[in-house]
Structures are given as structure tokens and as C-alpha cells.
């Protein structure tokens, strides 16, 4: 009996000793050592922004011919139309579910950098994309079509980012109408000749006469006439009845309507000094249909 009691006491003493040595202390928190701090593990994950370029809105705008508009200019010496690129309106939306600040915008040349920044989380952006970024795909489909791709980029303040491509089609009507199935390009023929009278030192001399010998009726509201004398920079003329330009157009033929028809013509007169007395001047007349953005005729004559 005494032996059994002794063994139980020894066993209990050993258990108490082992518990103290190995720190089995239940819910007791071990104090921090000098120079150390308690580290709490962070299991949170930073999410990259979510973006969408709204294929529906962009497609609808494309169908309405609003997504791309030609960016054109005219050669100052020849008056020829130059396609510089296309102006594009694209829609985007972006969100960061972590609530982080974002840097957002459009990468036009696909070099991974934002070219046109945006600050709103959703909306339309007007882009002007240079012709060098477009591919003429007239050899694959009908004439006049151009193709490019841009990307929308969003990067949060921690460096996590996302990007989405947008495919864009551009249509250049003037190119399509020249020898393609698009449009019904009317061929105009204008004859230019020396007008009556000789150049003087005044600023109201008659220079040349231009007569339409082939073509369909075209409203004066859609006509722009530029004149270049001796290869100088072209000067825009006033249409019949208008003022303010560097030269005037005086209509002859049927002047009762508002159109230029076959058989009708104009006399190009100075409204500023263009050809001096005793000078022989080469006059080039460039006629543009402004509604279609095409040059319909370019003819020359000598004023003497």
C-alpha cells in the first residue's frame, strides 16, 4: 500500500515537471523577447483591375459610322486629298475591387505604355490614330478599308495591371469610290481657258474660265474651289454670291439654280493681287466635292 502511494506521487511529480519544461501552458501567450515583435501573417491578396471595352457600344457606334471618322488634309500645292489617319471614339469601363487608385488609358501603338490617359472609371474617349498605325486591307476585302488594334490598360497603385485589345475598322470613302464597288463616282471633266482681258496691276482681273463638259449636277454648297497661280500656295475662292476669299467665282450659263451643271461655268477673278500687269500666269484650278471629301477636277490654263 505504501509502495503504491509512493509510485503515484513520483508519477505526478514527473508530469508536473515535464509540463513546466516544455511550455504546455494552455492559452498563455509567451512574452516577446527583447527587440522582437509579434508578427501577424497577412493572407490578403491584391487583385489586378478588371476592365471591359464594351464591345456592344463600340459595335453600335461602328454600325452608325461614328466610331471612325477620316482625318484628312489637302496638299497645299496640288490640292490632293491626304489621309492622315482616323479619329476614333471608344468606350471603356474599369474597376479595382480592392479600392486601389488606378492609372488608366489607351495604348495606341501597342508598346505597353499609355498614350492617352483617362481619369474616369467609365466613358468614351476620342482618339486620333495616325495612318502609320493602320493596315490597308483593300487587298483582302473591298477597297477603302483599314484595320488596326489598340489596347486599354489599367494598373493599380501596387503595380498589378490588366489590358484588353480593341479591334477597329476604318473606311476611307474616297479610296473606295476610285475603282471599287463602293459608291457611284461621277467622272467630271472641266475645261479651263484664258479669260477675257489681260492682267493688270489691279486686284479684280479676270484670270481663267472653267466650264463643266461632263458630270452630274452638284450643289454649290458642296463645292470648294482653290486656285494656285504660278505654283504658289492655293487660295480659296468665293463661291458665286459669297465674299471673303482671295478670289471670286462669277457663274455663267444657267445661273438661276443652285447647282453647277454641264454647260455652266465660272470665271475666276482676282480678289487680291495674284497676277501682275505684263505677266504670263499659269493658273491651276482645283475643284473639291466637300461632302465626299474628293477632288473632282484639277485643270490649268494660262492667263495672259
Protein backbone atom coordinates (compact mmCIF):
# COMPACT_ATOMS: atom_id res chain seq x y z
CA UNK A 1 0.00 0.00 0.00
CA UNK A 2 2.77 2.33 0.93
CA UNK A 3 4.66 1.39 -2.24
CA UNK A 4 1.67 2.17 -4.46
CA UNK A 5 1.23 5.61 -2.89
CA UNK A 6 4.89 6.38 -3.36
CA UNK A 7 4.75 5.48 -7.07
CA UNK A 8 1.70 7.72 -7.62
CA UNK A 9 3.44 10.68 -6.01
CA UNK A 10 6.53 10.17 -8.13
CA UNK A 11 4.40 9.93 -11.31
CA UNK A 12 2.51 13.17 -10.54
CA UNK A 13 5.77 14.97 -9.78
CA UNK A 14 7.23 13.90 -13.14
CA UNK A 15 4.15 15.12 -15.03
CA UNK A 16 4.28 18.49 -13.34
CA UNK A 17 8.00 18.79 -14.09
CA UNK A 18 7.59 17.90 -17.79
CA UNK A 19 4.68 20.33 -18.22
CA UNK A 20 6.78 23.20 -16.95
CA UNK A 21 9.81 22.33 -19.09
CA UNK A 22 8.03 22.11 -22.47
CA UNK A 23 5.80 25.16 -22.07
CA UNK A 24 2.46 23.40 -22.25
CA UNK A 25 0.66 26.31 -20.71
CA UNK A 26 -2.77 26.21 -22.27
CA UNK A 27 -3.83 29.65 -23.56
CA UNK A 28 -0.91 31.52 -22.00
CA UNK A 29 0.90 33.82 -24.56
CA UNK A 30 4.66 33.63 -24.47
CA UNK A 31 6.09 37.12 -23.81
CA UNK A 32 8.09 38.80 -26.61
CA UNK A 33 11.84 38.69 -26.35
CA UNK A 34 13.78 41.93 -26.26
CA UNK A 35 13.97 43.55 -29.73
CA UNK A 36 11.25 41.33 -31.20
CA UNK A 37 7.61 41.97 -32.06
CA UNK A 38 4.72 39.70 -32.69
CA UNK A 39 4.23 39.10 -36.45
CA UNK A 40 0.73 38.65 -37.80
CA UNK A 41 0.60 36.80 -41.11
CA UNK A 42 -1.28 38.72 -43.89
CA UNK A 43 -3.23 36.35 -46.06
CA UNK A 44 -4.89 39.11 -48.18
CA UNK A 45 -4.30 39.13 -52.00
CA UNK A 46 -4.08 42.21 -54.21
CA UNK A 47 -6.29 41.93 -57.28
CA UNK A 48 -5.50 43.44 -60.67
CA UNK A 49 -8.12 45.86 -62.03
CA UNK A 50 -10.98 44.44 -64.04
CA UNK A 51 -11.65 46.18 -67.36
CA UNK A 52 -14.04 45.99 -70.29
CA UNK A 53 -14.06 47.93 -73.55
CA UNK A 54 -17.77 47.46 -74.15
CA UNK A 55 -17.92 45.55 -77.39
CA UNK A 56 -21.63 46.32 -77.62
CA UNK A 57 -21.30 50.11 -77.50
CA UNK A 58 -18.30 50.14 -79.82
CA UNK A 59 -20.05 47.88 -82.32
CA UNK A 60 -23.19 50.03 -82.30
CA UNK A 61 -21.13 53.16 -82.91
CA UNK A 62 -19.29 51.43 -85.73
CA UNK A 63 -22.60 50.50 -87.35
CA UNK A 64 -23.60 54.16 -87.17
CA UNK A 65 -20.27 55.22 -88.77
CA UNK A 66 -19.41 57.20 -85.66
CA UNK A 67 -16.57 55.07 -84.35
CA UNK A 68 -14.20 56.17 -87.12
CA UNK A 69 -14.04 59.46 -88.98
CA UNK A 70 -11.38 60.21 -91.56
CA UNK A 71 -8.67 62.68 -90.61
CA UNK A 72 -7.71 64.28 -93.92
CA UNK A 73 -5.82 67.30 -95.20
CA UNK A 74 -5.04 68.74 -98.62
CA UNK A 75 -1.71 69.15 -100.33
CA UNK A 76 -1.20 72.96 -100.44
CA UNK A 77 0.31 72.81 -103.93
CA UNK A 78 -1.76 70.16 -105.72
CA UNK A 79 -4.93 70.20 -103.66
CA UNK A 80 -4.81 66.39 -103.49
CA UNK A 81 -6.50 64.83 -100.50
CA UNK A 82 -4.20 63.23 -97.95
CA UNK A 83 -5.40 60.58 -95.47
CA UNK A 84 -3.64 61.32 -92.16
CA UNK A 85 -5.47 58.67 -90.15
CA UNK A 86 -8.79 58.13 -88.42
CA UNK A 87 -10.47 59.75 -85.43
CA UNK A 88 -11.95 57.12 -83.14
CA UNK A 89 -14.45 57.16 -80.26
CA UNK A 90 -14.11 54.18 -77.90
CA UNK A 91 -15.81 53.21 -74.64
CA UNK A 92 -14.18 51.66 -71.56
CA UNK A 93 -15.03 50.65 -68.00
CA UNK A 94 -12.62 49.74 -65.18
CA UNK A 95 -12.87 48.78 -61.51
CA UNK A 96 -10.45 47.73 -58.77
CA UNK A 97 -12.22 45.57 -56.18
CA UNK A 98 -9.53 46.40 -53.60
CA UNK A 99 -10.42 50.07 -53.85
CA UNK A 100 -6.93 50.96 -55.08
CA UNK A 101 -6.19 54.03 -57.18
CA UNK A 102 -5.66 53.22 -60.86
CA UNK A 103 -3.68 54.62 -63.77
CA UNK A 104 -5.75 54.06 -66.91
CA UNK A 105 -5.71 54.86 -70.60
CA UNK A 106 -5.32 53.82 -74.20
CA UNK A 107 -2.22 52.36 -75.82
CA UNK A 108 -2.48 53.36 -79.49
CA UNK A 109 0.74 51.80 -80.79
CA UNK A 110 0.76 48.65 -78.61
CA UNK A 111 4.10 49.36 -76.95
CA UNK A 112 2.72 48.67 -73.48
CA UNK A 113 2.58 52.33 -72.48
CA UNK A 114 -0.49 54.52 -72.00
CA UNK A 115 -0.62 57.13 -74.78
CA UNK A 116 -3.93 58.77 -73.87
CA UNK A 117 -4.72 58.73 -70.15
CA UNK A 118 -8.25 58.72 -68.71
CA UNK A 119 -9.39 59.56 -65.19
CA UNK A 120 -12.99 58.36 -65.14
CA UNK A 121 -13.87 54.74 -64.46
CA UNK A 122 -16.29 54.61 -67.40
CA UNK A 123 -16.84 56.68 -70.51
CA UNK A 124 -15.92 57.47 -74.11
CA UNK A 125 -12.51 58.66 -75.26
CA UNK A 126 -11.75 60.44 -78.52
CA UNK A 127 -8.54 59.16 -80.12
CA UNK A 128 -6.75 60.37 -83.22
CA UNK A 129 -4.77 57.42 -84.58
CA UNK A 130 -2.08 58.17 -87.15
CA UNK A 131 -2.27 56.39 -90.50
CA UNK A 132 1.05 54.68 -89.70
CA UNK A 133 -0.80 52.58 -87.12
CA UNK A 134 -3.34 51.32 -89.67
CA UNK A 135 -3.09 48.49 -92.19
CA UNK A 136 -4.71 48.94 -95.59
CA UNK A 137 -6.63 45.69 -96.11
CA UNK A 138 -8.00 46.56 -99.55
CA UNK A 139 -6.22 43.50 -100.92
CA UNK A 140 -8.18 41.24 -98.58
CA UNK A 141 -11.63 42.81 -98.81
CA UNK A 142 -13.19 45.72 -100.67
CA UNK A 143 -11.22 48.89 -101.32
CA UNK A 144 -11.18 51.66 -98.74
CA UNK A 145 -10.96 49.54 -95.58
CA UNK A 146 -8.24 49.96 -92.93
CA UNK A 147 -7.63 47.92 -89.80
CA UNK A 148 -5.83 48.45 -86.50
CA UNK A 149 -5.85 47.29 -82.90
CA UNK A 150 -5.39 49.33 -79.73
CA UNK A 151 -5.41 48.33 -76.07
CA UNK A 152 -6.95 49.69 -72.90
CA UNK A 153 -4.62 49.42 -69.88
CA UNK A 154 -5.37 49.79 -66.15
CA UNK A 155 -2.69 49.49 -63.43
CA UNK A 156 -3.36 49.78 -59.70
CA UNK A 157 -1.16 51.58 -57.19
CA UNK A 158 0.58 48.31 -56.27
CA UNK A 159 1.64 47.61 -59.85
CA UNK A 160 -0.92 44.94 -60.70
CA UNK A 161 -2.36 45.59 -64.16
CA UNK A 162 -4.64 44.36 -66.88
CA UNK A 163 -5.13 45.10 -70.58
CA UNK A 164 -7.74 44.45 -73.23
CA UNK A 165 -7.43 44.69 -77.01
CA UNK A 166 -9.91 46.52 -79.21
CA UNK A 167 -10.16 45.83 -82.94
CA UNK A 168 -11.08 48.82 -85.12
CA UNK A 169 -12.05 49.16 -88.76
CA UNK A 170 -11.71 52.41 -90.70
CA UNK A 171 -13.37 53.24 -94.00
CA UNK A 172 -11.97 55.77 -96.46
CA UNK A 173 -14.75 56.57 -98.89
CA UNK A 174 -12.64 58.49 -101.38
CA UNK A 175 -10.37 55.50 -101.88
CA UNK A 176 -13.29 53.11 -102.10
CA UNK A 177 -15.01 55.16 -104.78
CA UNK A 178 -12.00 55.16 -107.08
CA UNK A 179 -12.33 51.89 -108.93
CA UNK A 180 -14.21 49.91 -106.29
CA UNK A 181 -17.71 48.57 -105.78
CA UNK A 182 -18.46 51.27 -103.22
CA UNK A 183 -20.13 54.47 -104.30
CA UNK A 184 -21.01 55.69 -107.74
CA UNK A 185 -18.21 58.07 -108.60
CA UNK A 186 -19.29 60.55 -111.22
CA UNK A 187 -16.46 61.45 -113.57
CA UNK A 188 -16.18 65.19 -114.06
CA UNK A 189 -14.40 66.93 -116.90
CA UNK A 190 -13.72 70.64 -116.65
CA UNK A 191 -12.18 72.74 -119.43
CA UNK A 192 -10.08 75.75 -118.43
CA UNK A 193 -9.14 78.59 -120.77
CA UNK A 194 -7.80 82.13 -120.65
CA UNK A 195 -10.44 84.66 -119.67
CA UNK A 196 -11.01 87.92 -121.49
CA UNK A 197 -8.73 90.82 -120.71
CA UNK A 198 -5.09 90.97 -119.73
CA UNK A 199 -3.67 91.03 -116.20
CA UNK A 200 -3.15 94.48 -114.74
CA UNK A 201 -1.87 95.94 -111.52
CA UNK A 202 -5.42 95.91 -110.17
CA UNK A 203 -6.94 93.25 -107.95
CA UNK A 204 -10.07 92.42 -109.95
CA UNK A 205 -8.65 90.94 -113.17
CA UNK A 206 -10.33 88.03 -114.92
CA UNK A 207 -7.88 85.12 -114.92
CA UNK A 208 -9.43 81.97 -116.42
CA UNK A 209 -12.80 80.48 -117.35
CA UNK A 210 -13.74 76.94 -116.27
CA UNK A 211 -16.62 75.09 -117.95
CA UNK A 212 -18.10 71.72 -116.94
CA UNK A 213 -18.23 69.49 -120.04
CA UNK A 214 -19.00 66.20 -118.27
CA UNK A 215 -20.51 65.29 -114.90
CA UNK A 216 -23.71 65.43 -112.90
CA UNK A 217 -25.29 68.42 -111.19
CA UNK A 218 -23.51 69.37 -107.98
CA UNK A 219 -24.80 71.88 -105.47
CA UNK A 220 -22.66 74.93 -104.84
CA UNK A 221 -22.90 74.24 -101.12
CA UNK A 222 -20.78 71.12 -101.68
CA UNK A 223 -18.12 72.80 -103.86
CA UNK A 224 -14.80 74.29 -102.83
CA UNK A 225 -12.58 75.87 -105.50
CA UNK A 226 -8.91 76.66 -104.90
CA UNK A 227 -6.63 78.48 -107.32
CA UNK A 228 -2.85 78.31 -107.48
CA UNK A 229 -1.03 80.91 -109.61
CA UNK A 230 2.49 80.05 -110.80
CA UNK A 231 2.65 77.16 -108.32
CA UNK A 232 2.08 79.40 -105.34
CA UNK A 233 0.06 78.15 -102.37
CA UNK A 234 -3.59 77.62 -103.36
CA UNK A 235 -6.09 80.34 -102.49
CA UNK A 236 -9.71 79.53 -101.72
CA UNK A 237 -12.19 81.36 -103.95
CA UNK A 238 -15.59 82.72 -103.03
CA UNK A 239 -18.41 80.68 -104.50
CA UNK A 240 -20.87 82.75 -106.57
CA UNK A 241 -22.52 85.37 -104.36
CA UNK A 242 -20.07 84.94 -101.48
CA UNK A 243 -17.25 87.15 -100.20
CA UNK A 244 -14.16 86.93 -98.03
CA UNK A 245 -11.84 84.74 -100.10
CA UNK A 246 -8.75 85.53 -102.12
CA UNK A 247 -10.54 85.19 -105.48
CA UNK A 248 -14.10 85.27 -106.82
CA UNK A 249 -16.14 82.90 -108.97
CA UNK A 250 -18.56 84.56 -111.37
CA UNK A 251 -21.01 82.00 -112.74
CA UNK A 252 -22.16 81.90 -116.37
CA UNK A 253 -24.67 79.68 -118.12
CA UNK A 254 -27.75 78.78 -116.10
CA UNK A 255 -27.41 81.00 -113.05
CA UNK A 256 -30.99 80.64 -111.82
CA UNK A 257 -30.40 77.41 -109.86
CA UNK A 258 -28.03 76.47 -107.05
CA UNK A 259 -26.06 73.81 -108.92
CA UNK A 260 -23.12 73.59 -111.30
CA UNK A 261 -24.29 71.66 -114.36
CA UNK A 262 -22.85 70.58 -117.69
CA UNK A 263 -22.53 73.68 -119.87
CA UNK A 264 -22.27 76.01 -116.90
CA UNK A 265 -19.02 77.55 -115.82
CA UNK A 266 -17.27 80.19 -113.78
CA UNK A 267 -14.86 83.00 -114.44
CA UNK A 268 -12.10 83.11 -111.85
CA UNK A 269 -11.43 86.73 -110.85
CA UNK A 270 -8.87 88.21 -108.53
CA UNK A 271 -9.98 89.50 -105.16
CA UNK A 272 -6.36 90.17 -104.22
CA UNK A 273 -3.17 90.67 -106.22
CA UNK A 274 -2.43 87.35 -107.93
CA UNK A 275 -1.16 88.16 -111.45
CA UNK A 276 0.59 91.44 -112.27
CA UNK A 277 0.50 93.58 -115.43
CA UNK A 278 2.56 92.19 -118.29
CA UNK A 279 2.96 88.85 -116.51
CA UNK A 280 2.03 85.49 -118.02
CA UNK A 281 0.48 83.43 -115.25
CA UNK A 282 -0.13 79.69 -115.08
CA UNK A 283 -3.40 79.18 -113.21
CA UNK A 284 -4.36 75.80 -111.73
CA UNK A 285 -7.95 75.35 -110.57
CA UNK A 286 -8.71 72.60 -108.03
CA UNK A 287 -12.38 71.70 -107.51
CA UNK A 288 -13.36 69.61 -104.48
CA UNK A 289 -16.61 67.91 -103.53
CA UNK A 290 -16.55 68.72 -99.81
CA UNK A 291 -19.38 66.36 -98.90
CA UNK A 292 -17.49 63.31 -100.16
CA UNK A 293 -14.05 64.75 -99.49
CA UNK A 294 -12.77 64.11 -103.03
CA UNK A 295 -11.14 66.25 -105.68
CA UNK A 296 -13.37 66.03 -108.73
CA UNK A 297 -11.19 68.01 -111.14
CA UNK A 298 -7.90 69.79 -111.49
CA UNK A 299 -7.30 71.82 -114.64
CA UNK A 300 -4.88 74.54 -115.75
CA UNK A 301 -4.78 77.42 -118.19
CA UNK A 302 -2.53 80.41 -118.91
CA UNK A 303 -3.74 83.92 -118.13
CA UNK A 304 -2.06 86.49 -120.37
